[in-house]
């Protein structure tokens, strides 16, 4: 069973595309859009990442930071970030530890890693969860709606 709205978002540390360590707790005081996606440079994942990129300033204006997580390597994330000029961090969860921590289910009869987005408020509490493998751009529009309803 996946985490629920109202629960504290589990803290974690992962490597970024720049080789630094990302810690969720370091973003306390800001809203976080934490999105889990299946794989770099696949059609749906590219569409999702580029939609977040194209609306990134809207997220910043809403007091939120966007962070993507997949099991791809740092090197894969570096290429994906450079190719699509992504302004936000992608985190390498190569062994799936954070995916398990967030209880992100697998999709397509368990064959693919799921696509789930969490909106975490500035106090570290989960305010919204959206789970849809096929609605890549819906992850962006729906999280913006939720963020508009949160205090900045």
Protein backbone atom coordinates (compact mmCIF):
# COMPACT_ATOMS: atom_id res chain seq x y z
CA UNK A 1 0.00 0.00 0.00
CA UNK A 2 1.32 3.41 -0.99
CA UNK A 3 1.90 6.31 1.38
CA UNK A 4 -1.13 8.47 2.08
CA UNK A 5 -1.95 12.17 2.02
CA UNK A 6 -1.34 13.68 5.46
CA UNK A 7 1.64 11.47 6.26
CA UNK A 8 5.13 12.91 6.69
CA UNK A 9 7.23 12.46 3.56
CA UNK A 10 10.05 10.03 4.31
CA UNK A 11 13.46 11.70 4.27
CA UNK A 12 16.14 10.28 1.99
CA UNK A 13 19.49 11.03 0.37
CA UNK A 14 20.44 10.32 -3.25
CA UNK A 15 23.09 11.45 -5.72
CA UNK A 16 22.23 14.24 -8.17
CA UNK A 17 23.28 14.76 -11.75
CA UNK A 18 26.15 16.91 -10.48
CA UNK A 19 27.39 14.23 -8.08
CA UNK A 20 26.30 16.07 -4.96
CA UNK A 21 24.02 14.53 -2.35
CA UNK A 22 20.39 15.58 -2.34
CA UNK A 23 18.56 15.39 1.00
CA UNK A 24 14.82 15.96 1.10
CA UNK A 25 15.10 17.58 4.54
CA UNK A 26 17.26 20.33 3.00
CA UNK A 27 14.15 21.60 1.19
CA UNK A 28 12.09 22.14 4.37
CA UNK A 29 10.42 25.51 4.16
CA UNK A 30 9.66 25.01 0.45
CA UNK A 31 7.07 22.87 -1.29
CA UNK A 32 8.46 19.90 -3.22
CA UNK A 33 7.08 18.14 -6.28
CA UNK A 34 8.74 14.74 -6.09
CA UNK A 35 8.05 12.71 -9.19
CA UNK A 36 9.00 9.12 -9.83
CA UNK A 37 9.23 8.08 -13.46
CA UNK A 38 10.18 4.87 -15.29
CA UNK A 39 13.19 5.70 -17.49
CA UNK A 40 15.23 8.51 -19.04
CA UNK A 41 14.70 9.28 -22.72
CA UNK A 42 11.55 7.23 -23.23
CA UNK A 43 8.63 9.01 -24.91
CA UNK A 44 6.35 9.48 -21.87
CA UNK A 45 9.20 10.31 -19.50
CA UNK A 46 10.68 12.83 -21.92
CA UNK A 47 7.28 14.48 -22.38
CA UNK A 48 6.80 14.65 -18.62
CA UNK A 49 10.29 16.07 -17.94
CA UNK A 50 9.99 18.65 -20.72
CA UNK A 51 6.55 19.72 -19.50
CA UNK A 52 7.97 20.24 -16.00
CA UNK A 53 10.87 22.14 -17.65
CA UNK A 54 8.57 24.37 -19.69
CA UNK A 55 6.50 25.24 -16.61
CA UNK A 56 9.38 25.28 -14.12
CA UNK A 57 9.10 29.02 -13.47
CA UNK A 58 5.43 28.54 -12.56
CA UNK A 59 6.50 25.99 -9.94
CA UNK A 60 9.16 28.36 -8.59
CA UNK A 61 6.55 31.14 -8.40
CA UNK A 62 4.34 28.76 -6.37
CA UNK A 63 7.22 28.22 -3.92
CA UNK A 64 7.97 24.69 -5.11
CA UNK A 65 11.03 22.76 -6.19
CA UNK A 66 10.68 19.96 -8.76
CA UNK A 67 12.74 16.79 -8.28
CA UNK A 68 12.66 13.70 -10.51
CA UNK A 69 13.61 10.17 -9.43
CA UNK A 70 14.25 7.05 -11.48
CA UNK A 71 16.50 4.01 -11.29
CA UNK A 72 18.71 5.34 -14.07
CA UNK A 73 22.37 6.09 -13.29
CA UNK A 74 23.86 9.51 -12.63
CA UNK A 75 25.48 9.34 -16.08
CA UNK A 76 22.12 8.62 -17.75
CA UNK A 77 20.55 11.52 -15.84
CA UNK A 78 23.41 13.82 -16.89
CA UNK A 79 22.80 13.02 -20.57
CA UNK A 80 19.02 13.34 -20.22
CA UNK A 81 19.35 16.66 -18.37
CA UNK A 82 21.78 18.10 -20.92
CA UNK A 83 19.82 16.86 -23.95
CA UNK A 84 16.58 18.43 -22.76
CA UNK A 85 17.99 21.38 -20.79
CA UNK A 86 16.25 20.38 -17.56
CA UNK A 87 16.54 23.05 -14.83
CA UNK A 88 15.75 20.72 -11.91
CA UNK A 89 17.50 17.81 -10.24
CA UNK A 90 17.15 14.21 -11.32
CA UNK A 91 18.12 11.68 -8.68
CA UNK A 92 19.66 8.26 -9.27
CA UNK A 93 17.77 5.64 -7.25
CA UNK A 94 19.65 2.76 -8.87
CA UNK A 95 18.73 0.12 -6.32
CA UNK A 96 15.13 1.35 -5.90
CA UNK A 97 15.47 2.17 -2.21
CA UNK A 98 13.58 5.47 -2.37
CA UNK A 99 10.94 4.03 -4.70
CA UNK A 100 10.34 1.34 -2.06
CA UNK A 101 10.41 3.91 0.75
CA UNK A 102 7.64 5.84 -1.01
CA UNK A 103 5.82 2.59 -1.83
CA UNK A 104 5.56 3.48 -5.52
CA UNK A 105 3.81 0.56 -7.20
CA UNK A 106 4.96 -1.06 -10.41
CA UNK A 107 2.73 -0.67 -13.47
CA UNK A 108 1.73 -2.72 -16.50
CA UNK A 109 1.36 -6.02 -14.65
CA UNK A 110 4.47 -5.28 -12.61
CA UNK A 111 6.71 -4.94 -15.67
CA UNK A 112 7.46 -1.20 -15.45
CA UNK A 113 8.39 1.12 -12.61
CA UNK A 114 5.37 3.29 -11.83
CA UNK A 115 4.90 6.98 -12.53
CA UNK A 116 3.80 8.68 -9.30
CA UNK A 117 4.05 12.31 -8.23
CA UNK A 118 3.94 13.55 -4.63
CA UNK A 119 3.33 17.14 -3.56
CA UNK A 120 5.07 17.71 -0.24
CA UNK A 121 4.35 20.90 1.65
CA UNK A 122 6.94 23.14 3.26
CA UNK A 123 6.49 21.27 6.56
CA UNK A 124 7.36 17.94 4.93
CA UNK A 125 3.80 16.55 4.83
CA UNK A 126 2.39 14.81 1.75
CA UNK A 127 -0.49 16.93 0.40
CA UNK A 128 -1.22 15.14 -2.88
CA UNK A 129 -0.39 11.89 -4.68
CA UNK A 130 -1.02 11.29 -8.37
CA UNK A 131 -0.47 7.81 -9.82
CA UNK A 132 -0.77 7.44 -13.60
CA UNK A 133 1.62 5.72 -15.97
CA UNK A 134 -0.02 7.14 -19.09
CA UNK A 135 -0.94 10.66 -17.95
CA UNK A 136 2.59 12.09 -18.10
CA UNK A 137 1.53 15.73 -18.59
CA UNK A 138 -1.35 15.40 -16.11
CA UNK A 139 1.29 15.04 -13.39
CA UNK A 140 2.34 18.61 -14.14
CA UNK A 141 -1.08 20.25 -14.43
CA UNK A 142 -2.59 18.50 -11.41
CA UNK A 143 0.34 19.31 -9.12
CA UNK A 144 0.17 22.98 -10.10
CA UNK A 145 -3.51 23.01 -9.14
CA UNK A 146 -2.68 21.56 -5.73
CA UNK A 147 0.19 23.99 -5.16
CA UNK A 148 -2.09 26.95 -5.91
CA UNK A 149 -4.21 25.87 -2.93
CA UNK A 150 -1.27 25.70 -0.50
CA UNK A 151 0.05 28.69 1.43
CA UNK A 152 3.18 30.00 -0.32
